[in-house]
Each structure stands twice: as C-alpha cells, then as structure tokens.
C-alpha atoms as a PDB file:
ATOM      1  CA  MET A   1     123.177  82.823 119.584  1.00  0.00           C
ATOM      2  CA  ASP A   2     120.034  82.777 117.684  1.00  0.00           C
ATOM      3  CA  LYS A   3     117.925  83.812 120.420  1.00  0.00           C
ATOM      4  CA  LEU A   4     117.156  88.269 120.593  1.00  0.00           C
ATOM      5  CA  ARG A   5     118.573  89.861 124.032  1.00  0.00           C
ATOM      6  CA  THR A   6     115.925  91.393 124.818  1.00  0.00           C
ATOM      7  CA  PRO A   7     116.824  93.392 127.496  1.00  0.00           C
ATOM      8  CA  VAL A   8     120.013  94.810 125.169  1.00  0.00           C
ATOM      9  CA  PHE A   9     117.461  95.105 122.584  1.00  0.00           C
ATOM     10  CA  ILE A  10     115.367  97.399 124.701  1.00  0.00           C
ATOM     11  CA  THR A  11     118.748  99.289 125.618  1.00  0.00           C
ATOM     12  CA  ALA A  12     119.322  99.746 122.316  1.00  0.00           C
ATOM     13  CA  LEU A  13     115.547 101.235 121.932  1.00  0.00           C
ATOM     14  CA  VAL A  14     115.586 103.203 124.801  1.00  0.00           C
ATOM     15  CA  VAL A  15     118.819 104.905 123.275  1.00  0.00           C
ATOM     16  CA  MET A  16     117.499 105.203 119.795  1.00  0.00           C
ATOM     17  CA  ALA A  17     114.283 107.389 121.588  1.00  0.00           C
ATOM     18  CA  LEU A  18     116.854 109.529 123.545  1.00  0.00           C
ATOM     19  CA  VAL A  19     118.529 110.580 120.118  1.00  0.00           C
ATOM     20  CA  VAL A  20     114.747 111.565 118.747  1.00  0.00           C
ATOM     21  CA  LEU A  21     113.839 113.493 121.652  1.00  0.00           C
ATOM     22  CA  ILE A  22     117.187 115.320 122.066  1.00  0.00           C
ATOM     23  CA  GLU A  23     117.002 116.531 118.493  1.00  0.00           C
ATOM     24  CA  LEU A  24     113.042 117.724 119.201  1.00  0.00           C
ATOM     25  CA  GLY A  25     114.207 119.121 121.956  1.00  0.00           C
ATOM     26  CA  SER A  26     116.800 121.538 120.063  1.00  0.00           C
ATOM     27  CA  THR A  27     113.626 122.799 118.214  1.00  0.00           C
ATOM     28  CA  ALA A  28     114.129 126.598 116.557  1.00  0.00           C
ATOM     29  CA  TYR A  29     111.561 128.461 115.929  1.00  0.00           C
ATOM     30  CA  LEU A  30     111.673 131.020 112.999  1.00  0.00           C
ATOM     31  CA  GLY A  31     109.546 134.472 113.744  1.00  0.00           C
ATOM     32  CA  GLU A  32     109.047 137.090 111.345  1.00  0.00           C
ATOM     33  CA  PHE A  33     112.259 138.969 110.285  1.00  0.00           C
ATOM     34  CA  GLU A  34     113.028 141.927 112.214  1.00  0.00           C
ATOM     35  CA  PRO A  35     116.731 143.513 112.149  1.00  0.00           C
ATOM     36  CA  GLY A  36     118.036 143.457 115.164  1.00  0.00           C
ATOM     37  CA  GLN A  37     114.973 141.530 117.412  1.00  0.00           C
ATOM     38  CA  GLN A  38     115.665 137.251 116.814  1.00  0.00           C
ATOM     39  CA  ASP A  39     119.238 136.019 116.273  1.00  0.00           C
ATOM     40  CA  LEU A  40     118.222 132.281 114.462  1.00  0.00           C
ATOM     41  CA  PRO A  41     118.002 130.111 117.415  1.00  0.00           C
ATOM     42  CA  THR A  42     120.516 127.477 117.746  1.00  0.00           C
ATOM     43  CA  PRO A  43     121.517 124.679 118.062  1.00  0.00           C
ATOM     44  CA  GLY A  44     120.178 125.034 114.233  1.00  0.00           C
ATOM     45  CA  LEU A  45     117.558 123.656 112.245  1.00  0.00           C
ATOM     46  CA  GLY A  46     120.373 120.555 110.606  1.00  0.00           C
ATOM     47  CA  ILE A  47     120.228 119.095 114.694  1.00  0.00           C
ATOM     48  CA  VAL A  48     115.860 119.203 114.381  1.00  0.00           C
ATOM     49  CA  TYR A  49     115.746 118.116 110.707  1.00  0.00           C
ATOM     50  CA  LEU A  50     117.772 114.841 111.808  1.00  0.00           C
ATOM     51  CA  ALA A  51     114.561 113.696 114.320  1.00  0.00           C
ATOM     52  CA  LEU A  52     112.957 112.953 110.605  1.00  0.00           C
ATOM     53  CA  LEU A  53     115.386 110.633 109.507  1.00  0.00           C
ATOM     54  CA  ASP A  54     116.091 108.994 113.392  1.00  0.00           C
ATOM     55  CA  GLY A  55     112.524 108.856 113.580  1.00  0.00           C
ATOM     56  CA  LEU A  56     112.085 106.163 111.010  1.00  0.00           C
ATOM     57  CA  ILE A  57     114.740 104.117 112.435  1.00  0.00           C
ATOM     58  CA  LEU A  58     112.769 104.618 116.033  1.00  0.00           C
ATOM     59  CA  PHE A  59     109.510 103.588 114.643  1.00  0.00           C
ATOM     60  CA  THR A  60     111.372 100.386 112.959  1.00  0.00           C
ATOM     61  CA  VAL A  61     112.885  99.242 116.144  1.00  0.00           C
ATOM     62  CA  GLY A  62     109.774  99.943 117.167  1.00  0.00           C
ATOM     63  CA  LEU A  63     108.030  97.599 115.314  1.00  0.00           C
ATOM     64  CA  ILE A  64     110.897  94.464 115.841  1.00  0.00           C
ATOM     65  CA  GLY A  65     109.923  95.028 119.659  1.00  0.00           C
ATOM     66  CA  LEU A  66     106.194  94.780 119.220  1.00  0.00           C
ATOM     67  CA  SER A  67     107.029  91.471 117.800  1.00  0.00           C
ATOM     68  CA  LEU A  68     108.115  90.345 121.271  1.00  0.00           C
ATOM     69  CA  LEU A  69     104.544  91.482 122.604  1.00  0.00           C
ATOM     70  CA  LEU A  70     101.978  90.999 120.022  1.00  0.00           C
ATOM     71  CA  PRO A  71     100.975  87.356 118.090  1.00  0.00           C
ATOM     72  CA  GLU A  72     102.920  87.049 114.493  1.00  0.00           C
ATOM     73  CA  ARG A  73      99.770  87.245 112.802  1.00  0.00           C
ATOM     74  CA  ILE A  74      98.256  90.508 114.251  1.00  0.00           C
ATOM     75  CA  HIS A  75     101.570  91.647 114.466  1.00  0.00           C
ATOM     76  CA  GLY A  76     101.885  91.147 110.480  1.00  0.00           C
ATOM     77  CA  ARG A  77      98.855  93.267 109.773  1.00  0.00           C
ATOM     78  CA  LEU A  78      99.702  96.037 111.796  1.00  0.00           C
ATOM     79  CA  GLN A  79     103.367  96.504 110.819  1.00  0.00           C
ATOM     80  CA  GLY A  80     102.148  96.901 107.153  1.00  0.00           C
ATOM     81  CA  ILE A  81      99.023  99.491 107.944  1.00  0.00           C
ATOM     82  CA  THR A  82     100.840 101.187 110.626  1.00  0.00           C
ATOM     83  CA  THR A  83     104.154 101.602 108.466  1.00  0.00           C
ATOM     84  CA  PHE A  84     101.678 102.785 105.541  1.00  0.00           C
ATOM     85  CA  PHE A  85     100.317 105.493 107.371  1.00  0.00           C
ATOM     86  CA  PHE A  86     103.756 106.049 109.313  1.00  0.00           C
ATOM     87  CA  SER A  87     106.241 106.687 106.222  1.00  0.00           C
ATOM     88  CA  LEU A  88     102.789 109.153 104.661  1.00  0.00           C
ATOM     89  CA  VAL A  89     102.964 111.078 107.673  1.00  0.00           C
ATOM     90  CA  VAL A  90     107.417 111.643 107.648  1.00  0.00           C
ATOM     91  CA  LEU A  91     107.545 111.671 103.835  1.00  0.00           C
ATOM     92  CA  ILE A  92     104.546 115.131 104.266  1.00  0.00           C
ATOM     93  CA  LEU A  93     105.998 116.483 106.533  1.00  0.00           C
ATOM     94  CA  ALA A  94     109.728 116.107 104.766  1.00  0.00           C
ATOM     95  CA  ILE A  95     108.506 117.812 102.087  1.00  0.00           C
ATOM     96  CA  THR A  96     106.739 120.763 104.013  1.00  0.00           C
ATOM     97  CA  MET A  97     109.979 121.037 105.966  1.00  0.00           C
ATOM     98  CA  ILE A  98     111.968 120.988 103.075  1.00  0.00           C
ATOM     99  CA  PHE A  99     109.952 124.194 101.564  1.00  0.00           C
ATOM    100  CA  ILE A 100     110.422 125.957 104.830  1.00  0.00           C
ATOM    101  CA  ALA A 101     114.239 125.525 104.261  1.00  0.00           C
ATOM    102  CA  ILE A 102     114.414 126.726 101.569  1.00  0.00           C
ATOM    103  CA  GLY A 103     112.013 130.113 102.211  1.00  0.00           C
ATOM    104  CA  LEU A 104     114.912 130.680 105.303  1.00  0.00           C
ATOM    105  CA  LEU A 105     117.726 129.999 102.652  1.00  0.00           C
ATOM    106  CA  MET A 106     116.326 132.830 100.218  1.00  0.00           C
ATOM    107  CA  LEU A 107     115.436 134.637 103.106  1.00  0.00           C
ATOM    108  CA  MET A 108     118.926 134.691 104.388  1.00  0.00           C
ATOM    109  CA  VAL A 109     120.811 135.106 101.384  1.00  0.00           C
ATOM    110  CA  THR A 110     119.296 137.907 100.085  1.00  0.00           C
ATOM    111  CA  LEU A 111     120.393 139.566 103.063  1.00  0.00           C
ATOM    112  CA  LEU A 112     123.479 138.433 102.905  1.00  0.00           C
ATOM    113  CA  MET A 113     123.685 139.997  99.212  1.00  0.00           C
ATOM    114  CA  ALA A 114     121.790 142.996  99.516  1.00  0.00           C
ATOM    115  CA  ALA A 115     124.843 145.378 100.868  1.00  0.00           C
ATOM    116  CA  PRO A 116     124.589 147.637 102.757  1.00  0.00           C
ATOM    117  CA  PHE A 117     121.594 147.388 104.442  1.00  0.00           C
ATOM    118  CA  GLY A 118     120.687 143.497 103.820  1.00  0.00           C
ATOM    119  CA  THR A 119     123.952 142.391 104.625  1.00  0.00           C
ATOM    120  CA  LEU A 120     123.640 144.360 108.216  1.00  0.00           C
ATOM    121  CA  ALA A 121     120.317 142.924 109.373  1.00  0.00           C
ATOM    122  CA  TYR A 122     121.590 139.188 107.786  1.00  0.00           C
ATOM    123  CA  LEU A 123     124.854 140.129 110.542  1.00  0.00           C
ATOM    124  CA  ALA A 124     122.488 141.345 113.215  1.00  0.00           C
ATOM    125  CA  THR A 125     120.243 138.520 112.945  1.00  0.00           C
ATOM    126  CA  TYR A 126     121.481 135.222 111.749  1.00  0.00           C
ATOM    127  CA  ALA A 127     125.522 135.647 112.606  1.00  0.00           C
ATOM    128  CA  ASN A 128     125.615 134.786 115.857  1.00  0.00           C
ATOM    129  CA  PHE A 129     124.963 131.149 115.459  1.00  0.00           C
ATOM    130  CA  GLU A 130     126.151 129.017 118.701  1.00  0.00           C
ATOM    131  CA  VAL A 131     128.365 126.593 116.655  1.00  0.00           C
ATOM    132  CA  GLY A 132     129.654 125.472 120.226  1.00  0.00           C
ATOM    133  CA  ALA A 133     126.569 124.439 121.482  1.00  0.00           C
ATOM    134  CA  ALA A 134     125.428 122.337 118.118  1.00  0.00           C
ATOM    135  CA  GLN A 135     128.813 120.704 118.421  1.00  0.00           C
ATOM    136  CA  ALA A 136     128.327 120.020 121.640  1.00  0.00           C
ATOM    137  CA  THR A 137     124.718 118.276 120.952  1.00  0.00           C
ATOM    138  CA  LEU A 138     126.057 116.700 117.627  1.00  0.00           C
ATOM    139  CA  GLY A 139     128.868 114.956 119.181  1.00  0.00           C
ATOM    140  CA  SER A 140     126.351 113.566 121.977  1.00  0.00           C
ATOM    141  CA  ILE A 141     123.779 112.377 119.609  1.00  0.00           C
ATOM    142  CA  MET A 142     126.478 110.742 117.236  1.00  0.00           C
ATOM    143  CA  THR A 143     127.194 108.828 120.481  1.00  0.00           C
ATOM    144  CA  LEU A 144     124.315 107.570 121.111  1.00  0.00           C
ATOM    145  CA  LYS A 145     123.676 106.328 118.134  1.00  0.00           C
ATOM    146  CA  ILE A 146     127.043 104.379 117.746  1.00  0.00           C
ATOM    147  CA  ALA A 147     126.562 103.153 121.004  1.00  0.00           C
ATOM    148  CA  PHE A 148     122.506 101.864 119.565  1.00  0.00           C
ATOM    149  CA  ALA A 149     124.082 100.510 116.593  1.00  0.00           C
ATOM    150  CA  VAL A 150     126.406  98.601 119.011  1.00  0.00           C
ATOM    151  CA  LEU A 151     123.499  97.271 121.224  1.00  0.00           C
ATOM    152  CA  LEU A 152     121.614  96.346 118.294  1.00  0.00           C
ATOM    153  CA  VAL A 153     124.524  94.216 116.840  1.00  0.00           C
ATOM    154  CA  LEU A 154     124.595  92.593 120.279  1.00  0.00           C
ATOM    155  CA  ALA A 155     121.387  92.263 121.094  1.00  0.00           C
ATOM    156  CA  HIS A 156     121.039  89.976 118.102  1.00  0.00           C
ATOM    157  CA  GLN A 157     123.903  88.967 115.123  1.00  0.00           C
ATOM    158  CA  ARG A 158     121.139  88.753 112.267  1.00  0.00           C
ATOM    159  CA  PHE A 159     120.120  92.374 112.615  1.00  0.00           C
ATOM    160  CA  LEU A 160     123.338  93.088 110.439  1.00  0.00           C
ATOM    161  CA  GLU A 161     121.577  90.773 107.390  1.00  0.00           C
ATOM    162  CA  ASN A 162     118.453  92.855 107.595  1.00  0.00           C
ATOM    163  CA  LYS A 163     119.997  95.301 104.493  1.00  0.00           C
ATOM    164  CA  GLY A 164     117.213  97.910 105.195  1.00  0.00           C
ATOM    165  CA  LEU A 165     118.331  98.751 108.566  1.00  0.00           C
ATOM    166  CA  VAL A 166     121.657  99.237 107.906  1.00  0.00           C
ATOM    167  CA  LEU A 167     121.310 101.060 105.636  1.00  0.00           C
ATOM    168  CA  ILE A 168     119.188 104.017 107.007  1.00  0.00           C
ATOM    169  CA  VAL A 169     121.379 103.649 110.396  1.00  0.00           C
ATOM    170  CA  LEU A 170     124.293 104.557 107.896  1.00  0.00           C
ATOM    171  CA  SER A 171     122.426 107.202 106.181  1.00  0.00           C
ATOM    172  CA  SER A 172     121.697 108.429 110.128  1.00  0.00           C
ATOM    173  CA  LEU A 173     125.022 108.496 111.208  1.00  0.00           C
ATOM    174  CA  LEU A 174     125.869 110.061 107.323  1.00  0.00           C
ATOM    175  CA  ALA A 175     123.463 112.924 107.808  1.00  0.00           C
ATOM    176  CA  ASN A 176     124.902 113.272 111.440  1.00  0.00           C
ATOM    177  CA  VAL A 177     128.245 113.858 110.008  1.00  0.00           C
ATOM    178  CA  VAL A 178     127.284 116.392 107.279  1.00  0.00           C
ATOM    179  CA  ILE A 179     125.274 118.855 109.752  1.00  0.00           C
ATOM    180  CA  ALA A 180     128.174 118.857 111.712  1.00  0.00           C
ATOM    181  CA  PHE A 181     130.300 119.952 108.597  1.00  0.00           C
ATOM    182  CA  THR A 182     127.938 122.970 108.105  1.00  0.00           C
ATOM    183  CA  HIS A 183     128.891 124.232 111.129  1.00  0.00           C
ATOM    184  CA  ALA A 184     132.967 124.077 109.920  1.00  0.00           C
ATOM    185  CA  PHE A 185     132.288 127.447 108.107  1.00  0.00           C
ATOM    186  CA  PRO A 186     132.899 130.960 109.185  1.00  0.00           C
ATOM    187  CA  ARG A 187     130.622 131.876 111.978  1.00  0.00           C
ATOM    188  CA  PHE A 188     128.437 134.683 110.060  1.00  0.00           C
ATOM    189  CA  LEU A 189     127.858 132.050 107.312  1.00  0.00           C
ATOM    190  CA  VAL A 190     126.836 129.026 109.301  1.00  0.00           C
ATOM    191  CA  SER A 191     123.024 129.990 109.473  1.00  0.00           C
ATOM    192  CA  ILE A 192     123.063 129.329 105.872  1.00  0.00           C
ATOM    193  CA  THR A 193     125.190 126.390 105.283  1.00  0.00           C
ATOM    194  CA  ASP A 194     123.376 124.484 108.407  1.00  0.00           C
ATOM    195  CA  ASP A 195     119.931 125.451 106.568  1.00  0.00           C
ATOM    196  CA  ILE A 196     121.551 123.475 103.651  1.00  0.00           C
ATOM    197  CA  GLY A 197     122.550 120.666 105.795  1.00  0.00           C
ATOM    198  CA  ALA A 198     118.664 120.341 106.692  1.00  0.00           C
ATOM    199  CA  ILE A 199     117.417 120.629 103.455  1.00  0.00           C
ATOM    200  CA  ILE A 200     119.914 117.623 102.823  1.00  0.00           C
ATOM    201  CA  VAL A 201     118.822 115.646 105.328  1.00  0.00           C
ATOM    202  CA  ALA A 202     115.064 116.019 104.678  1.00  0.00           C
ATOM    203  CA  ILE A 203     115.264 114.945 101.065  1.00  0.00           C
ATOM    204  CA  LEU A 204     117.129 111.707 102.281  1.00  0.00           C
ATOM    205  CA  ALA A 205     114.250 111.568 105.296  1.00  0.00           C
ATOM    206  CA  ALA A 206     112.435 111.557 102.559  1.00  0.00           C
ATOM    207  CA  ILE A 207     113.338 109.091 100.218  1.00  0.00           C
ATOM    208  CA  TRP A 208     113.101 107.027 103.109  1.00  0.00           C
ATOM    209  CA  ALA A 209     110.133 107.369 103.832  1.00  0.00           C
ATOM    210  CA  LEU A 210     108.995 106.616 100.368  1.00  0.00           C
ATOM    211  CA  VAL A 211     110.957 104.155 100.117  1.00  0.00           C
ATOM    212  CA  PHE A 212     108.940 102.580 103.149  1.00  0.00           C
ATOM    213  CA  LEU A 213     106.015 103.612 101.781  1.00  0.00           C
ATOM    214  CA  ILE A 214     106.088 101.433  98.420  1.00  0.00           C
ATOM    215  CA  GLY A 215     107.618  98.604 100.599  1.00  0.00           C
ATOM    216  CA  SER A 216     104.134  98.768 102.845  1.00  0.00           C
ATOM    217  CA  ILE A 217     101.817  98.480  99.928  1.00  0.00           C
ATOM    218  CA  PRO A 218     102.369  94.446  99.389  1.00  0.00           C
ATOM    219  CA  ALA A 219     101.106  94.253 103.008  1.00  0.00           C
ATOM    220  CA  VAL A 220      98.622  96.575 103.282  1.00  0.00           C
ATOM    221  CA  ILE A 221      96.892  94.819 100.450  1.00  0.00           C
ATOM    222  CA  LYS A 222      97.193  91.682 101.843  1.00  0.00           C
ATOM    223  CA  ALA A 223      95.726  92.458 104.742  1.00  0.00           C
ATOM    224  CA  LEU A 224      92.504  94.205 103.029  1.00  0.00           C
ATOM    225  CA  ARG A 225      92.045  91.093 100.982  1.00  0.00           C
ATOM    226  CA  ILE A 226      92.282  88.789 104.665  1.00  0.00           C
ATOM    227  CA  ASP A 227      89.493  91.165 106.318  1.00  0.00           C
ATOM    228  CA  ARG A 228      87.517  90.723 103.024  1.00  0.00           C
ATOM    229  CA  ALA A 229      87.471  87.244 103.209  1.00  0.00           C
ATOM    230  CA  VAL A 230      86.509  86.747 106.731  1.00  0.00           C
ATOM    231  CA  SER A 231      83.867  89.547 106.123  1.00  0.00           C
END
C-alpha cells in the first residue's frame, strides 16, 4: 500500500494534461471592436483562464513524475529551480491576463450602458454567447478533474497528506464551478459575467503562482550554495 502505483499515476497525469489541452483549445481571440463584425468567440475567456490554474497542477504532478526517472539529488535541485521560473512565468502571465480581461470588461460595460447606439453595438457583438457549448466544455472538464483526483488517490493514498496539492486541486474545482455559475445569467449578459469569472480565476492562479514562487526560493538558494561549494 505504500508503493506508488505507477500506471495509475501516469493515467492521472495524462488526464490532467488533457484538461489543460481542452482549456487551451477553447481559446478566444478578441480583435478590434467593430460593431456587428465579430461575436465574442466561445466558449469564453473563463475556460481559457482555467488553464492558468490547471497548468500549475499539471506542473506539480509532472515534477512528481520526474522523481520516478531522476535520482533524488538531481530531482531535488531541478524541482526548486524549475518551480521558481515556471511560477514566475505563470504569475506574470496571470497579471497580464487580468488586465486584458479588465480592459474587455470595461469596454463591454461601457457599450452596454451607452444607450442606444452603444447598447445596440454590444448586443450585436457580445450578446450571442453560446452558453450550451460552454456548459458542455465545462462539464467535460469537471468530469476529467474529478477523475484525475480519484486516480491520484488510487495511485497513492499519501497524496491526500500533501495539503498544498489537495488545496490547489480543490481551488481548481471551485474555479470550474465559478465559471459555470457565471454562465447562468441571462444570455445577453454572459459575456460580461464570464469575463468577471475569468478575472477571479486569474487572481486565484496568481495567488497560487506567488505561493509556488515563494516556496521555491529556499530550494533555489540551497542549489546555488551547492554549486558554489562544488566549484
């Protein structure tokens, strides 16, 4: 019971990778606003932004997987350094995406409130959010996330003792629920509420990235000291 069930663990890793790929495959682009030209691409920013948080989970589990291949000494040094740089990139990306989402939110709210022509422009461009497609995607993602959590526990029960991993997985599930909730509003408002959900998810991802970044600093310092001692 104390041994890691490698096939089950690898399956869990593949499932989480699939989650991230689905989220990234749901990318939406936002061109320059021209009334009547382009609906807000679906299933929306919220699903895309989930990849920030789930990317951190995939990275964490991937590092655990590397421990199966690398010697403990090498893995320990690699873990701290890669975590530092990866979390820094995610933190910068999350902050950037927050500002992008805020900019879009301001645009949509301004148009909606600028009756009559601004409101008409908003309705023509952002009111046709495909809620059904977004709900189907979110449902698939949630199912895969639950499967990932179950597989991870089946791979080794001691994963439940890793409070950081448990909390970030719970955060990911909560983020999924938040985005789904933002799609429960009247359809013409969902582009706005989905954007707000995306901002919440990005803030959550930024917090976790900062936690990872701070937690990796002692390991980086230790690795640098070892390098100096060797040289």
